[in-house]
Amino acid sequence: TNAVKKIAQQVAENEIKIANSVLKAPSLNTCSLADAYYKGGQYQKAVEIAKNQREQINFRYSICLYVLGKSYAALNNMTEAKIYMEKYLSLSDSFIKNIFITAKREEFQKILSGN
């Protein structure tokens, strides 16, 4: 239900903020925070956070690209969603393929191909 989603999102947000504070790295888990907002149904907030993350070539940044693709799709902005889906596919192409990455890549490839 929405109440459960909201509680889960708040718990995730608090844990991420605590981790960032302990590590003294305020933006270390920014993409995970954006993901928590996406999963909590706060798509616009997820977009705002993920777009503020500096571009990098690593798994952590790929989470931001994934969140941007999914959040824009949830906001019915498929033009922007497809841009970030393509960026995610391009970046993650060089990663070692694990179950998580493979599933996300297949999901975006299916959307982009129109299937």
Protein backbone atom coordinates (compact mmCIF):
# COMPACT_ATOMS: atom_id res chain seq x y z
CA THR A 1 0.00 0.00 0.00
CA ASN A 2 1.00 3.65 -0.24
CA ALA A 3 1.50 3.93 3.52
CA VAL A 4 3.97 1.04 3.50
CA LYS A 5 5.82 2.55 0.51
CA LYS A 6 6.04 5.88 2.30
CA ILE A 7 7.44 4.31 5.47
CA ALA A 8 9.97 2.24 3.51
CA GLN A 9 11.06 5.33 1.60
CA GLN A 10 11.48 7.32 4.83
CA VAL A 11 13.53 4.53 6.42
CA ALA A 12 15.75 4.28 3.34
CA GLU A 13 16.18 8.05 3.21
CA ASN A 14 17.18 8.22 6.88
CA GLU A 15 19.64 5.32 6.55
CA ILE A 16 21.28 6.89 3.51
CA LYS A 17 21.61 10.27 5.23
CA ILE A 18 23.13 8.61 8.31
CA ALA A 19 25.59 6.65 6.15
CA ASN A 20 26.61 9.81 4.31
CA SER A 21 27.10 11.61 7.61
CA VAL A 22 29.19 8.81 9.13
CA LEU A 23 31.32 8.59 5.99
CA LYS A 24 31.59 12.39 5.87
CA ALA A 25 30.66 12.23 2.22
CA PRO A 26 27.33 14.04 1.73
CA SER A 27 26.86 12.96 -1.87
CA LEU A 28 28.29 9.44 -1.72
CA ASN A 29 24.88 7.75 -1.77
CA THR A 30 22.95 10.42 -3.67
CA CYS A 31 21.81 7.98 -6.34
CA SER A 32 20.59 5.53 -3.70
CA LEU A 33 18.62 8.38 -2.13
CA ALA A 34 17.08 9.17 -5.53
CA ASP A 35 16.23 5.47 -5.86
CA ALA A 36 14.49 5.55 -2.46
CA TYR A 37 12.34 8.47 -3.64
CA TYR A 38 11.56 6.65 -6.90
CA LYS A 39 10.52 3.52 -5.02
CA GLY A 40 8.41 5.69 -2.71
CA GLY A 41 6.53 7.10 -5.71
CA GLN A 42 8.07 10.57 -5.40
CA TYR A 43 9.22 10.68 -8.99
CA GLN A 44 9.82 14.42 -9.29
CA LYS A 45 11.94 14.44 -6.13
CA ALA A 46 13.88 11.44 -7.47
CA VAL A 47 14.57 13.33 -10.71
CA GLU A 48 15.72 16.45 -8.86
CA ILE A 49 18.19 14.49 -6.74
CA ALA A 50 19.51 12.25 -9.52
CA LYS A 51 20.03 15.15 -11.95
CA ASN A 52 22.20 16.95 -9.39
CA GLN A 53 24.68 14.07 -9.29
CA ARG A 54 27.88 14.72 -11.21
CA GLU A 55 28.34 12.39 -14.19
CA GLN A 56 30.73 9.53 -13.51
CA ILE A 57 31.68 6.24 -15.07
CA ASN A 58 30.77 3.83 -12.30
CA PHE A 59 28.02 1.61 -10.99
CA ARG A 60 26.86 4.18 -8.41
CA TYR A 61 26.15 6.76 -11.13
CA SER A 62 24.37 4.14 -13.22
CA ILE A 63 21.77 3.99 -10.45
CA CYS A 64 21.04 7.68 -11.06
CA LEU A 65 20.62 7.04 -14.78
CA TYR A 66 18.30 4.12 -14.06
CA VAL A 67 16.24 6.23 -11.63
CA LEU A 68 16.03 9.07 -14.15
CA GLY A 69 14.82 6.71 -16.88
CA LYS A 70 12.21 5.09 -14.63
CA SER A 71 11.09 8.34 -12.97
CA TYR A 72 10.61 10.20 -16.25
CA ALA A 73 8.64 7.23 -17.57
CA ALA A 74 6.46 7.29 -14.44
CA LEU A 75 5.92 11.02 -15.04
CA ASN A 76 4.83 10.18 -18.63
CA ASN A 77 7.81 12.01 -20.15
CA MET A 78 9.04 9.29 -22.46
CA THR A 79 11.29 11.64 -24.42
CA GLU A 80 13.46 12.28 -21.34
CA ALA A 81 13.01 8.70 -20.11
CA LYS A 82 14.47 7.29 -23.31
CA ILE A 83 17.46 9.64 -23.14
CA TYR A 84 18.38 8.32 -19.70
CA MET A 85 17.60 4.72 -20.60
CA GLU A 86 20.03 4.99 -23.51
CA LYS A 87 22.65 6.60 -21.27
CA TYR A 88 22.19 3.78 -18.74
CA LEU A 89 22.63 1.15 -21.46
CA SER A 90 25.73 2.88 -22.80
CA LEU A 91 27.36 3.22 -19.38
CA SER A 92 26.44 -0.23 -18.12
CA ASP A 93 27.64 -1.92 -21.30
CA SER A 94 31.18 -1.91 -19.90
CA PHE A 95 30.19 -3.35 -16.51
CA ILE A 96 30.58 -6.95 -15.48
CA LYS A 97 27.11 -8.34 -16.02
CA ASN A 98 25.44 -9.48 -12.84
CA ILE A 99 21.77 -10.31 -12.33
CA PHE A 100 20.88 -6.73 -11.33
CA ILE A 101 22.56 -5.09 -14.30
CA THR A 102 21.33 -7.70 -16.77
CA ALA A 103 17.72 -7.32 -15.62
CA LYS A 104 17.83 -3.52 -15.82
CA ARG A 105 19.48 -3.61 -19.24
CA GLU A 106 16.88 -6.04 -20.56
CA GLU A 107 14.07 -3.89 -19.15
CA PHE A 108 15.34 -0.75 -20.89
CA GLN A 109 16.19 -2.56 -24.14
CA LYS A 110 12.62 -3.86 -24.28
CA ILE A 111 11.14 -0.39 -23.70
CA LEU A 112 13.42 1.24 -26.27
CA SER A 113 12.68 -1.39 -28.88
CA GLY A 114 8.94 -0.86 -28.44
CA ASN A 115 8.18 -4.40 -27.20
